[in-house]
């Protein structure tokens, strides 16, 4: 199987001023890309790199982790006792509502992007 490096047999050389290289490196750092070749290819082919900083997304990840852990605990208790408690179901519903609210906030924010 060919590796990525073997597939790229063509080279392209360019000359930059110190200021241009600094500007490219600064923009590359802002995107979180650490490979200069990958960054330059992406910019040359697509013309942009989009980095999303959405705090609601980080909160969604935390809610998903919390909800998953909670659901696992409830499932374990249900398997041990053979019963599902109303309070456990209410907790699942509350967590699901929070997840849906968070997802709606993210979708609204993405819809406002240009």
PDB file of N, CA and C in Angstrom:
ATOM      1  N   UNK A   1       0.839  -1.178   0.000  1.00  0.00           N
ATOM      2  CA  UNK A   1       0.000   0.000   0.000  1.00  0.00           C
ATOM      3  C   UNK A   1       0.884   1.240   0.000  1.00  0.00           C
ATOM      4  N   UNK A   2       0.537   2.231  -0.813  1.00  0.00           N
ATOM      5  CA  UNK A   2       1.317   3.460  -0.893  1.00  0.00           C
ATOM      6  C   UNK A   2       1.066   4.338   0.313  1.00  0.00           C
ATOM      7  N   UNK A   3       2.117   4.958   0.802  1.00  0.00           N
ATOM      8  CA  UNK A   3       1.942   5.909   1.893  1.00  0.00           C
ATOM      9  C   UNK A   3       1.609   7.268   1.309  1.00  0.00           C
ATOM     10  N   UNK A   4       1.159   8.160   2.168  1.00  0.00           N
ATOM     11  CA  UNK A   4       0.799   9.507   1.721  1.00  0.00           C
ATOM     12  C   UNK A   4       2.001  10.199   1.072  1.00  0.00           C
ATOM     13  N   UNK A   5       3.191  10.015   1.632  1.00  0.00           N
ATOM     14  CA  UNK A   5       4.389  10.659   1.110  1.00  0.00           C
ATOM     15  C   UNK A   5       4.706  10.151  -0.291  1.00  0.00           C
ATOM     16  N   UNK A   6       4.518   8.842  -0.524  1.00  0.00           N
ATOM     17  CA  UNK A   6       4.791   8.267  -1.841  1.00  0.00           C
ATOM     18  C   UNK A   6       3.813   8.782  -2.892  1.00  0.00           C
ATOM     19  N   UNK A   7       2.593   9.083  -2.492  1.00  0.00           N
ATOM     20  CA  UNK A   7       1.598   9.578  -3.438  1.00  0.00           C
ATOM     21  C   UNK A   7       1.901  10.996  -3.895  1.00  0.00           C
ATOM     22  N   UNK A   8       2.606  11.738  -3.084  1.00  0.00           N
ATOM     23  CA  UNK A   8       2.929  13.127  -3.421  1.00  0.00           C
ATOM     24  C   UNK A   8       4.343  13.182  -3.995  1.00  0.00           C
ATOM     25  N   UNK A   9       4.438  13.031  -5.285  1.00  0.00           N
ATOM     26  CA  UNK A   9       5.752  12.981  -5.921  1.00  0.00           C
ATOM     27  C   UNK A   9       6.184  14.330  -6.502  1.00  0.00           C
ATOM     28  N   UNK A  10       5.271  15.273  -6.574  1.00  0.00           N
ATOM     29  CA  UNK A  10       5.586  16.582  -7.147  1.00  0.00           C
ATOM     30  C   UNK A  10       5.977  17.567  -6.061  1.00  0.00           C
ATOM     31  N   UNK A  11       6.954  18.415  -6.366  1.00  0.00           N
ATOM     32  CA  UNK A  11       7.380  19.440  -5.427  1.00  0.00           C
ATOM     33  C   UNK A  11       7.061  20.815  -5.993  1.00  0.00           C
ATOM     34  N   UNK A  12       6.833  21.748  -5.094  1.00  0.00           N
ATOM     35  CA  UNK A  12       6.576  23.130  -5.467  1.00  0.00           C
ATOM     36  C   UNK A  12       7.380  24.008  -4.516  1.00  0.00           C
ATOM     37  N   UNK A  13       8.243  24.814  -5.051  1.00  0.00           N
ATOM     38  CA  UNK A  13       9.088  25.675  -4.216  1.00  0.00           C
ATOM     39  C   UNK A  13       8.603  27.115  -4.339  1.00  0.00           C
ATOM     40  N   UNK A  14       8.672  27.855  -3.248  1.00  0.00           N
ATOM     41  CA  UNK A  14       8.322  29.256  -3.297  1.00  0.00           C
ATOM     42  C   UNK A  14       9.258  30.039  -2.382  1.00  0.00           C
ATOM     43  N   UNK A  15       9.400  31.288  -2.689  1.00  0.00           N
ATOM     44  CA  UNK A  15      10.252  32.167  -1.907  1.00  0.00           C
ATOM     45  C   UNK A  15       9.380  33.179  -1.185  1.00  0.00           C
ATOM     46  N   UNK A  16       9.735  33.422   0.081  1.00  0.00           N
ATOM     47  CA  UNK A  16       8.965  34.310   0.933  1.00  0.00           C
ATOM     48  C   UNK A  16       9.888  35.312   1.606  1.00  0.00           C
ATOM     49  N   UNK A  17       9.316  36.451   1.936  1.00  0.00           N
ATOM     50  CA  UNK A  17      10.049  37.375   2.799  1.00  0.00           C
ATOM     51  C   UNK A  17       9.895  36.880   4.234  1.00  0.00           C
ATOM     52  N   UNK A  18      10.696  37.410   5.133  1.00  0.00           N
ATOM     53  CA  UNK A  18      10.560  37.036   6.544  1.00  0.00           C
ATOM     54  C   UNK A  18       9.168  37.375   7.059  1.00  0.00           C
ATOM     55  N   UNK A  19       8.629  38.528   6.643  1.00  0.00           N
ATOM     56  CA  UNK A  19       7.309  38.948   7.094  1.00  0.00           C
ATOM     57  C   UNK A  19       6.218  38.006   6.578  1.00  0.00           C
ATOM     58  N   UNK A  20       6.353  37.582   5.310  1.00  0.00           N
ATOM     59  CA  UNK A  20       5.361  36.665   4.760  1.00  0.00           C
ATOM     60  C   UNK A  20       5.387  35.320   5.484  1.00  0.00           C
ATOM     61  N   UNK A  21       6.585  34.805   5.740  1.00  0.00           N
ATOM     62  CA  UNK A  21       6.683  33.523   6.434  1.00  0.00           C
ATOM     63  C   UNK A  21       6.118  33.632   7.847  1.00  0.00           C
ATOM     64  N   UNK A  22       6.423  34.742   8.523  1.00  0.00           N
ATOM     65  CA  UNK A  22       5.890  34.958   9.872  1.00  0.00           C
ATOM     66  C   UNK A  22       4.368  35.000   9.843  1.00  0.00           C
ATOM     67  N   UNK A  23       3.810  35.704   8.860  1.00  0.00           N
ATOM     68  CA  UNK A  23       2.349  35.805   8.742  1.00  0.00           C
ATOM     69  C   UNK A  23       1.731  34.430   8.490  1.00  0.00           C
ATOM     70  N   UNK A  24       2.358  33.627   7.619  1.00  0.00           N
ATOM     71  CA  UNK A  24       1.853  32.284   7.335  1.00  0.00           C
ATOM     72  C   UNK A  24       1.908  31.417   8.593  1.00  0.00           C
ATOM     73  N   UNK A  25       3.030  31.471   9.299  1.00  0.00           N
ATOM     74  CA  UNK A  25       3.180  30.663  10.511  1.00  0.00           C
ATOM     75  C   UNK A  25       2.176  31.083  11.586  1.00  0.00           C
ATOM     76  N   UNK A  26       1.942  32.390  11.714  1.00  0.00           N
ATOM     77  CA  UNK A  26       0.960  32.884  12.689  1.00  0.00           C
ATOM     78  C   UNK A  26      -0.438  32.381  12.362  1.00  0.00           C
ATOM     79  N   UNK A  27      -0.827  32.467  11.097  1.00  0.00           N
ATOM     80  CA  UNK A  27      -2.162  32.002  10.696  1.00  0.00           C
ATOM     81  C   UNK A  27      -2.283  30.495  10.857  1.00  0.00           C
ATOM     82  N   UNK A  28      -1.196  29.782  10.579  1.00  0.00           N
ATOM     83  CA  UNK A  28      -1.206  28.333  10.736  1.00  0.00           C
ATOM     84  C   UNK A  28      -1.425  27.968  12.202  1.00  0.00           C
ATOM     85  N   UNK A  29      -0.750  28.673  13.110  1.00  0.00           N
ATOM     86  CA  UNK A  29      -0.917  28.413  14.545  1.00  0.00           C
ATOM     87  C   UNK A  29      -2.357  28.678  14.980  1.00  0.00           C
ATOM     88  N   UNK A  30      -2.981  29.718  14.423  1.00  0.00           N
ATOM     89  CA  UNK A  30      -4.365  30.049  14.778  1.00  0.00           C
ATOM     90  C   UNK A  30      -5.327  28.935  14.407  1.00  0.00           C
ATOM     91  N   UNK A  31      -5.014  28.198  13.341  1.00  0.00           N
ATOM     92  CA  UNK A  31      -5.906  27.118  12.907  1.00  0.00           C
ATOM     93  C   UNK A  31      -5.676  25.829  13.671  1.00  0.00           C
ATOM     94  N   UNK A  32      -4.550  25.736  14.357  1.00  0.00           N
ATOM     95  CA  UNK A  32      -4.236  24.512  15.079  1.00  0.00           C
ATOM     96  C   UNK A  32      -3.542  23.473  14.223  1.00  0.00           C
ATOM     97  N   UNK A  33      -3.233  23.799  12.976  1.00  0.00           N
ATOM     98  CA  UNK A  33      -2.517  22.877  12.100  1.00  0.00           C
ATOM     99  C   UNK A  33      -1.032  23.008  12.396  1.00  0.00           C
ATOM    100  N   UNK A  34      -0.343  21.882  12.566  1.00  0.00           N
ATOM    101  CA  UNK A  34       1.079  21.921  12.920  1.00  0.00           C
ATOM    102  C   UNK A  34       1.984  21.550  11.748  1.00  0.00           C
ATOM    103  N   UNK A  35       1.424  21.064  10.663  1.00  0.00           N
ATOM    104  CA  UNK A  35       2.201  20.654   9.505  1.00  0.00           C
ATOM    105  C   UNK A  35       2.117  21.746   8.444  1.00  0.00           C
ATOM    106  N   UNK A  36       3.250  22.397   8.162  1.00  0.00           N
ATOM    107  CA  UNK A  36       3.266  23.510   7.211  1.00  0.00           C
ATOM    108  C   UNK A  36       2.825  23.077   5.817  1.00  0.00           C
ATOM    109  N   UNK A  37       3.281  21.922   5.358  1.00  0.00           N
ATOM    110  CA  UNK A  37       2.887  21.445   4.026  1.00  0.00           C
ATOM    111  C   UNK A  37       1.382  21.226   3.946  1.00  0.00           C
ATOM    112  N   UNK A  38       0.817  20.623   4.975  1.00  0.00           N
ATOM    113  CA  UNK A  38      -0.629  20.382   4.989  1.00  0.00           C
ATOM    114  C   UNK A  38      -1.389  21.702   4.974  1.00  0.00           C
ATOM    115  N   UNK A  39      -0.915  22.669   5.750  1.00  0.00           N
ATOM    116  CA  UNK A  39      -1.583  23.975   5.806  1.00  0.00           C
ATOM    117  C   UNK A  39      -1.524  24.674   4.447  1.00  0.00           C
ATOM    118  N   UNK A  40      -0.357  24.695   3.836  1.00  0.00           N
ATOM    119  CA  UNK A  40      -0.207  25.384   2.539  1.00  0.00           C
ATOM    120  C   UNK A  40      -1.039  24.682   1.470  1.00  0.00           C
ATOM    121  N   UNK A  41      -1.045  23.335   1.458  1.00  0.00           N
ATOM    122  CA  UNK A  41      -1.884  22.607   0.497  1.00  0.00           C
ATOM    123  C   UNK A  41      -3.355  22.963   0.692  1.00  0.00           C
ATOM    124  N   UNK A  42      -3.812  22.945   1.948  1.00  0.00           N
ATOM    125  CA  UNK A  42      -5.217  23.241   2.251  1.00  0.00           C
ATOM    126  C   UNK A  42      -5.588  24.649   1.773  1.00  0.00           C
ATOM    127  N   UNK A  43      -4.730  25.600   2.062  1.00  0.00           N
ATOM    128  CA  UNK A  43      -5.019  26.981   1.661  1.00  0.00           C
ATOM    129  C   UNK A  43      -4.968  27.147   0.145  1.00  0.00           C
ATOM    130  N   UNK A  44      -4.018  26.496  -0.514  1.00  0.00           N
ATOM    131  CA  UNK A  44      -3.890  26.620  -1.966  1.00  0.00           C
ATOM    132  C   UNK A  44      -5.064  25.956  -2.687  1.00  0.00           C
ATOM    133  N   UNK A  45      -5.531  24.843  -2.172  1.00  0.00           N
ATOM    134  CA  UNK A  45      -6.602  24.113  -2.841  1.00  0.00           C
ATOM    135  C   UNK A  45      -7.981  24.661  -2.474  1.00  0.00           C
ATOM    136  N   UNK A  46      -8.220  24.853  -1.184  1.00  0.00           N
ATOM    137  CA  UNK A  46      -9.556  25.259  -0.736  1.00  0.00           C
ATOM    138  C   UNK A  46      -9.693  26.752  -0.483  1.00  0.00           C
ATOM    139  N   UNK A  47      -8.591  27.417  -0.220  1.00  0.00           N
ATOM    140  CA  UNK A  47      -8.630  28.851   0.002  1.00  0.00           C
ATOM    141  C   UNK A  47      -8.972  29.269   1.413  1.00  0.00           C
ATOM    142  N   UNK A  48      -9.291  28.316   2.293  1.00  0.00           N
ATOM    143  CA  UNK A  48      -9.616  28.682   3.666  1.00  0.00           C
ATOM    144  C   UNK A  48      -9.481  27.467   4.573  1.00  0.00           C
ATOM    145  N   UNK A  49      -9.316  27.756   5.820  1.00  0.00           N
ATOM    146  CA  UNK A  49      -9.361  26.742   6.871  1.00  0.00           C
ATOM    147  C   UNK A  49     -10.291  27.306   7.927  1.00  0.00           C
ATOM    148  N   UNK A  50     -11.295  26.546   8.315  1.00  0.00           N
ATOM    149  CA  UNK A  50     -12.253  27.033   9.291  1.00  0.00           C
ATOM    150  C   UNK A  50     -11.992  26.352  10.635  1.00  0.00           C
ATOM    151  N   UNK A  51     -11.804  27.166  11.654  1.00  0.00           N
ATOM    152  CA  UNK A  51     -11.654  26.659  13.008  1.00  0.00           C
ATOM    153  C   UNK A  51     -12.837  27.171  13.812  1.00  0.00           C
ATOM    154  N   UNK A  52     -13.578  26.261  14.381  1.00  0.00           N
ATOM    155  CA  UNK A  52     -14.759  26.643  15.142  1.00  0.00           C
ATOM    156  C   UNK A  52     -14.439  26.679  16.624  1.00  0.00           C
ATOM    157  N   UNK A  53     -14.720  27.806  17.243  1.00  0.00           N
ATOM    158  CA  UNK A  53     -14.580  27.919  18.692  1.00  0.00           C
ATOM    159  C   UNK A  53     -15.977  28.158  19.245  1.00  0.00           C
ATOM    160  N   UNK A  54     -16.631  27.071  19.605  1.00  0.00           N
ATOM    161  CA  UNK A  54     -18.012  27.148  20.065  1.00  0.00           C
ATOM    162  C   UNK A  54     -18.060  26.600  21.485  1.00  0.00           C
ATOM    163  N   UNK A  55     -18.155  27.494  22.486  1.00  0.00           N
ATOM    164  CA  UNK A  55     -18.185  27.029  23.876  1.00  0.00           C
ATOM    165  C   UNK A  55     -19.342  26.070  24.151  1.00  0.00           C
ATOM    166  N   UNK A  56     -20.461  26.263  23.452  1.00  0.00           N
ATOM    167  CA  UNK A  56     -21.610  25.380  23.642  1.00  0.00           C
ATOM    168  C   UNK A  56     -21.260  23.937  23.265  1.00  0.00           C
ATOM    169  N   UNK A  57     -20.351  23.780  22.306  1.00  0.00           N
ATOM    170  CA  UNK A  57     -19.946  22.439  21.892  1.00  0.00           C
ATOM    171  C   UNK A  57     -19.169  21.743  23.009  1.00  0.00           C
ATOM    172  N   UNK A  58     -18.310  22.480  23.689  1.00  0.00           N
ATOM    173  CA  UNK A  58     -17.576  21.908  24.819  1.00  0.00           C
ATOM    174  C   UNK A  58     -18.546  21.512  25.931  1.00  0.00           C
ATOM    175  N   UNK A  59     -19.553  22.339  26.149  1.00  0.00           N
ATOM    176  CA  UNK A  59     -20.554  22.011  27.168  1.00  0.00           C
ATOM    177  C   UNK A  59     -21.348  20.771  26.761  1.00  0.00           C
ATOM    178  N   UNK A  60     -21.649  20.652  25.466  1.00  0.00           N
ATOM    179  CA  UNK A  60     -22.364  19.471  24.979  1.00  0.00           C
ATOM    180  C   UNK A  60     -21.556  18.203  25.242  1.00  0.00           C
ATOM    181  N   UNK A  61     -20.265  18.262  25.029  1.00  0.00           N
ATOM    182  CA  UNK A  61     -19.414  17.100  25.268  1.00  0.00           C
ATOM    183  C   UNK A  61     -19.460  16.714  26.740  1.00  0.00           C
ATOM    184  N   UNK A  62     -19.395  17.716  27.619  1.00  0.00           N
ATOM    185  CA  UNK A  62     -19.491  17.431  29.055  1.00  0.00           C
ATOM    186  C   UNK A  62     -20.842  16.817  29.410  1.00  0.00           C
ATOM    187  N   UNK A  63     -21.910  17.376  28.838  1.00  0.00           N
ATOM    188  CA  UNK A  63     -23.249  16.836  29.098  1.00  0.00           C
ATOM    189  C   UNK A  63     -23.379  15.403  28.594  1.00  0.00           C
ATOM    190  N   UNK A  64     -22.805  15.124  27.428  1.00  0.00           N
ATOM    191  CA  UNK A  64     -22.860  13.764  26.898  1.00  0.00           C
ATOM    192  C   UNK A  64     -22.115  12.784  27.800  1.00  0.00           C
ATOM    193  N   UNK A  65     -20.954  13.203  28.286  1.00  0.00           N
ATOM    194  CA  UNK A  65     -20.192  12.340  29.197  1.00  0.00           C
ATOM    195  C   UNK A  65     -20.988  12.082  30.480  1.00  0.00           C
ATOM    196  N   UNK A  66     -21.522  13.151  31.038  1.00  0.00           N
ATOM    197  CA  UNK A  66     -22.305  13.029  32.268  1.00  0.00           C
ATOM    198  C   UNK A  66     -23.508  12.119  32.042  1.00  0.00           C
ATOM    199  N   UNK A  67     -24.206  12.349  30.949  1.00  0.00           N
ATOM    200  CA  UNK A  67     -25.402  11.575  30.637  1.00  0.00           C
ATOM    201  C   UNK A  67     -25.059  10.101  30.422  1.00  0.00           C
ATOM    202  N   UNK A  68     -23.966   9.834  29.722  1.00  0.00           N
ATOM    203  CA  UNK A  68     -23.549   8.452  29.482  1.00  0.00           C
ATOM    204  C   UNK A  68     -23.203   7.749  30.783  1.00  0.00           C
ATOM    205  N   UNK A  69     -22.450   8.440  31.634  1.00  0.00           N
ATOM    206  CA  UNK A  69     -22.101   7.841  32.927  1.00  0.00           C
ATOM    207  C   UNK A  69     -23.346   7.574  33.760  1.00  0.00           C
ATOM    208  N   UNK A  70     -24.244   8.552  33.782  1.00  0.00           N
ATOM    209  CA  UNK A  70     -25.475   8.410  34.545  1.00  0.00           C
ATOM    210  C   UNK A  70     -26.308   7.246  34.018  1.00  0.00           C
ATOM    211  N   UNK A  71     -26.417   7.150  32.712  1.00  0.00           N
ATOM    212  CA  UNK A  71     -27.197   6.071  32.106  1.00  0.00           C
ATOM    213  C   UNK A  71     -26.580   4.706  32.424  1.00  0.00           C
ATOM    214  N   UNK A  72     -25.252   4.636  32.396  1.00  0.00           N
ATOM    215  CA  UNK A  72     -24.584   3.373  32.746  1.00  0.00           C
ATOM    216  C   UNK A  72     -24.860   2.983  34.196  1.00  0.00           C
ATOM    217  N   UNK A  73     -24.845   3.956  35.087  1.00  0.00           N
ATOM    218  CA  UNK A  73     -25.133   3.671  36.498  1.00  0.00           C
ATOM    219  C   UNK A  73     -26.569   3.183  36.678  1.00  0.00           C
ATOM    220  N   UNK A  74     -27.491   3.826  35.973  1.00  0.00           N
ATOM    221  CA  UNK A  74     -28.897   3.423  36.062  1.00  0.00           C
ATOM    222  C   UNK A  74     -29.075   2.010  35.505  1.00  0.00           C
ATOM    223  N   UNK A  75     -28.421   1.716  34.387  1.00  0.00           N
ATOM    224  CA  UNK A  75     -28.522   0.374  33.795  1.00  0.00           C
ATOM    225  C   UNK A  75     -27.947  -0.675  34.744  1.00  0.00           C
ATOM    226  N   UNK A  76     -26.831  -0.353  35.380  1.00  0.00           N
ATOM    227  CA  UNK A  76     -26.232  -1.291  36.336  1.00  0.00           C
ATOM    228  C   UNK A  76     -27.187  -1.561  37.496  1.00  0.00           C
ATOM    229  N   UNK A  77     -27.772  -0.481  38.022  1.00  0.00           N
ATOM    230  CA  UNK A  77     -28.710  -0.627  39.141  1.00  0.00           C
ATOM    231  C   UNK A  77     -29.948  -1.427  38.703  1.00  0.00           C
ATOM    232  N   UNK A  78     -30.431  -1.167  37.489  1.00  0.00           N
ATOM    233  CA  UNK A  78     -31.604  -1.896  36.981  1.00  0.00           C
ATOM    234  C   UNK A  78     -31.285  -3.375  36.822  1.00  0.00           C
ATOM    235  N   UNK A  79     -30.079  -3.683  36.361  1.00  0.00           N
ATOM    236  CA  UNK A  79     -29.685  -5.091  36.217  1.00  0.00           C
ATOM    237  C   UNK A  79     -29.536  -5.782  37.567  1.00  0.00           C
ATOM    238  N   UNK A  80     -29.053  -5.045  38.553  1.00  0.00           N
ATOM    239  CA  UNK A  80     -28.857  -5.627  39.882  1.00  0.00           C
ATOM    240  C   UNK A  80     -30.181  -5.842  40.615  1.00  0.00           C
ATOM    241  N   UNK A  81     -31.086  -4.877  40.498  1.00  0.00           N
ATOM    242  CA  UNK A  81     -32.332  -4.927  41.267  1.00  0.00           C
ATOM    243  C   UNK A  81     -33.523  -5.424  40.467  1.00  0.00           C
ATOM    244  N   UNK A  82     -33.405  -5.349  39.124  1.00  0.00           N
ATOM    245  CA  UNK A  82     -34.542  -5.732  38.283  1.00  0.00           C
ATOM    246  C   UNK A  82     -35.613  -4.668  38.232  1.00  0.00           C
ATOM    247  N   UNK A  83     -35.286  -3.454  38.726  1.00  0.00           N
ATOM    248  CA  UNK A  83     -36.271  -2.368  38.745  1.00  0.00           C
ATOM    249  C   UNK A  83     -35.664  -1.105  38.143  1.00  0.00           C
ATOM    250  N   UNK A  84     -36.546  -0.292  37.560  1.00  0.00           N
ATOM    251  CA  UNK A  84     -36.172   1.041  37.079  1.00  0.00           C
ATOM    252  C   UNK A  84     -36.989   2.031  37.890  1.00  0.00           C
ATOM    253  N   UNK A  85     -36.322   3.005  38.452  1.00  0.00           N
ATOM    254  CA  UNK A  85     -36.987   3.960  39.336  1.00  0.00           C
ATOM    255  C   UNK A  85     -37.437   5.207  38.563  1.00  0.00           C
ATOM    256  N   UNK A  86     -38.576   5.762  38.988  1.00  0.00           N
ATOM    257  CA  UNK A  86     -39.140   6.947  38.331  1.00  0.00           C
ATOM    258  C   UNK A  86     -38.157   8.116  38.360  1.00  0.00           C
ATOM    259  N   UNK A  87     -37.442   8.281  39.469  1.00  0.00           N
ATOM    260  CA  UNK A  87     -36.472   9.385  39.566  1.00  0.00           C
ATOM    261  C   UNK A  87     -35.334   9.210  38.554  1.00  0.00           C
ATOM    262  N   UNK A  88     -34.932   7.967  38.314  1.00  0.00           N
ATOM    263  CA  UNK A  88     -33.900   7.707  37.309  1.00  0.00           C
ATOM    264  C   UNK A  88     -34.388   8.110  35.917  1.00  0.00           C
ATOM    265  N   UNK A  89     -35.601   7.762  35.597  1.00  0.00           N
ATOM    266  CA  UNK A  89     -36.171   8.134  34.295  1.00  0.00           C
ATOM    267  C   UNK A  89     -36.303   9.650  34.167  1.00  0.00           C
ATOM    268  N   UNK A  90     -36.696  10.310  35.248  1.00  0.00           N
ATOM    269  CA  UNK A  90     -36.814  11.775  35.224  1.00  0.00           C
ATOM    270  C   UNK A  90     -35.441  12.412  34.986  1.00  0.00           C
ATOM    271  N   UNK A  91     -34.410  11.835  35.597  1.00  0.00           N
ATOM    272  CA  UNK A  91     -33.050  12.349  35.406  1.00  0.00           C
ATOM    273  C   UNK A  91     -32.611  12.188  33.950  1.00  0.00           C
ATOM    274  N   UNK A  92     -32.936  11.059  33.354  1.00  0.00           N
ATOM    275  CA  UNK A  92     -32.610  10.843  31.937  1.00  0.00           C
ATOM    276  C   UNK A  92     -33.327  11.872  31.071  1.00  0.00           C
ATOM    277  N   UNK A  93     -34.597  12.111  31.362  1.00  0.00           N
ATOM    278  CA  UNK A  93     -35.364  13.106  30.589  1.00  0.00           C
ATOM    279  C   UNK A  93     -34.756  14.506  30.725  1.00  0.00           C
ATOM    280  N   UNK A  94     -34.352  14.889  31.939  1.00  0.00           N
ATOM    281  CA  UNK A  94     -33.738  16.209  32.159  1.00  0.00           C
ATOM    282  C   UNK A  94     -32.429  16.324  31.369  1.00  0.00           C
ATOM    283  N   UNK A  95     -31.636  15.274  31.414  1.00  0.00           N
ATOM    284  CA  UNK A  95     -30.376  15.303  30.666  1.00  0.00           C
ATOM    285  C   UNK A  95     -30.618  15.394  29.166  1.00  0.00           C
ATOM    286  N   UNK A  96     -31.603  14.659  28.669  1.00  0.00           N
ATOM    287  CA  UNK A  96     -31.930  14.720  27.247  1.00  0.00           C
ATOM    288  C   UNK A  96     -32.394  16.125  26.848  1.00  0.00           C
ATOM    289  N   UNK A  97     -33.195  16.751  27.690  1.00  0.00           N
ATOM    290  CA  UNK A  97     -33.648  18.118  27.407  1.00  0.00           C
ATOM    291  C   UNK A  97     -32.463  19.078  27.332  1.00  0.00           C
ATOM    292  N   UNK A  98     -31.513  18.938  28.263  1.00  0.00           N
ATOM    293  CA  UNK A  98     -30.316  19.789  28.233  1.00  0.00           C
ATOM    294  C   UNK A  98     -29.514  19.556  26.957  1.00  0.00           C
ATOM    295  N   UNK A  99     -29.402  18.303  26.552  1.00  0.00           N
ATOM    296  CA  UNK A  99     -28.659  17.989  25.323  1.00  0.00           C
ATOM    297  C   UNK A  99     -29.335  18.602  24.103  1.00  0.00           C
ATOM    298  N   UNK A 100     -30.648  18.486  24.019  1.00  0.00           N
ATOM    299  CA  UNK A 100     -31.369  19.078  22.884  1.00  0.00           C
ATOM    300  C   UNK A 100     -31.246  20.600  22.882  1.00  0.00           C
ATOM    301  N   UNK A 101     -31.350  21.220  24.049  1.00  0.00           N
ATOM    302  CA  UNK A 101     -31.200  22.675  24.130  1.00  0.00           C
ATOM    303  C   UNK A 101     -29.803  23.097  23.666  1.00  0.00           C
ATOM    304  N   UNK A 102     -28.804  22.362  24.116  1.00  0.00           N
ATOM    305  CA  UNK A 102     -27.431  22.658  23.703  1.00  0.00           C
ATOM    306  C   UNK A 102     -27.235  22.488  22.215  1.00  0.00           C
ATOM    307  N   UNK A 103     -27.795  21.426  21.652  1.00  0.00           N
ATOM    308  CA  UNK A 103     -27.667  21.197  20.213  1.00  0.00           C
ATOM    309  C   UNK A 103     -28.363  22.297  19.428  1.00  0.00           C
ATOM    310  N   UNK A 104     -29.520  22.732  19.882  1.00  0.00           N
ATOM    311  CA  UNK A 104     -30.213  23.831  19.201  1.00  0.00           C
ATOM    312  C   UNK A 104     -29.386  25.111  19.239  1.00  0.00           C
ATOM    313  N   UNK A 105     -28.735  25.388  20.364  1.00  0.00           N
ATOM    314  CA  UNK A 105     -27.885  26.580  20.469  1.00  0.00           C
ATOM    315  C   UNK A 105     -26.723  26.501  19.488  1.00  0.00           C
ATOM    316  N   UNK A 106     -26.126  25.336  19.363  1.00  0.00           N
ATOM    317  CA  UNK A 106     -25.005  25.160  18.432  1.00  0.00           C
ATOM    318  C   UNK A 106     -25.484  25.339  16.992  1.00  0.00           C
ATOM    319  N   UNK A 107     -26.604  24.734  16.649  1.00  0.00           N
ATOM    320  CA  UNK A 107     -27.127  24.851  15.291  1.00  0.00           C
ATOM    321  C   UNK A 107     -27.473  26.295  14.943  1.00  0.00           C
ATOM    322  N   UNK A 108     -28.026  27.024  15.895  1.00  0.00           N
ATOM    323  CA  UNK A 108     -28.323  28.439  15.661  1.00  0.00           C
ATOM    324  C   UNK A 108     -27.047  29.233  15.417  1.00  0.00           C
ATOM    325  N   UNK A 109     -26.021  28.962  16.210  1.00  0.00           N
ATOM    326  CA  UNK A 109     -24.748  29.655  16.043  1.00  0.00           C
ATOM    327  C   UNK A 109     -24.119  29.325  14.689  1.00  0.00           C
ATOM    328  N   UNK A 110     -24.170  28.074  14.293  1.00  0.00           N
ATOM    329  CA  UNK A 110     -23.623  27.673  12.984  1.00  0.00           C
ATOM    330  C   UNK A 110     -24.417  28.317  11.854  1.00  0.00           C
ATOM    331  N   UNK A 111     -25.734  28.434  12.032  1.00  0.00           N
ATOM    332  CA  UNK A 111     -26.577  29.060  11.010  1.00  0.00           C
ATOM    333  C   UNK A 111     -26.285  30.541  10.812  1.00  0.00           C
ATOM    334  N   UNK A 112     -25.699  31.194  11.806  1.00  0.00           N
ATOM    335  CA  UNK A 112     -25.371  32.622  11.717  1.00  0.00           C
ATOM    336  C   UNK A 112     -23.999  32.870  11.093  1.00  0.00           C
ATOM    337  N   UNK A 113     -23.223  31.814  10.911  1.00  0.00           N
ATOM    338  CA  UNK A 113     -21.871  31.972  10.357  1.00  0.00           C
ATOM    339  C   UNK A 113     -21.937  32.251   8.863  1.00  0.00           C
ATOM    340  N   UNK A 114     -21.007  33.029   8.416  1.00  0.00           N
ATOM    341  CA  UNK A 114     -20.918  33.315   6.974  1.00  0.00           C
ATOM    342  C   UNK A 114     -19.610  32.849   6.430  1.00  0.00           C
TER     343      UNK A 114
END
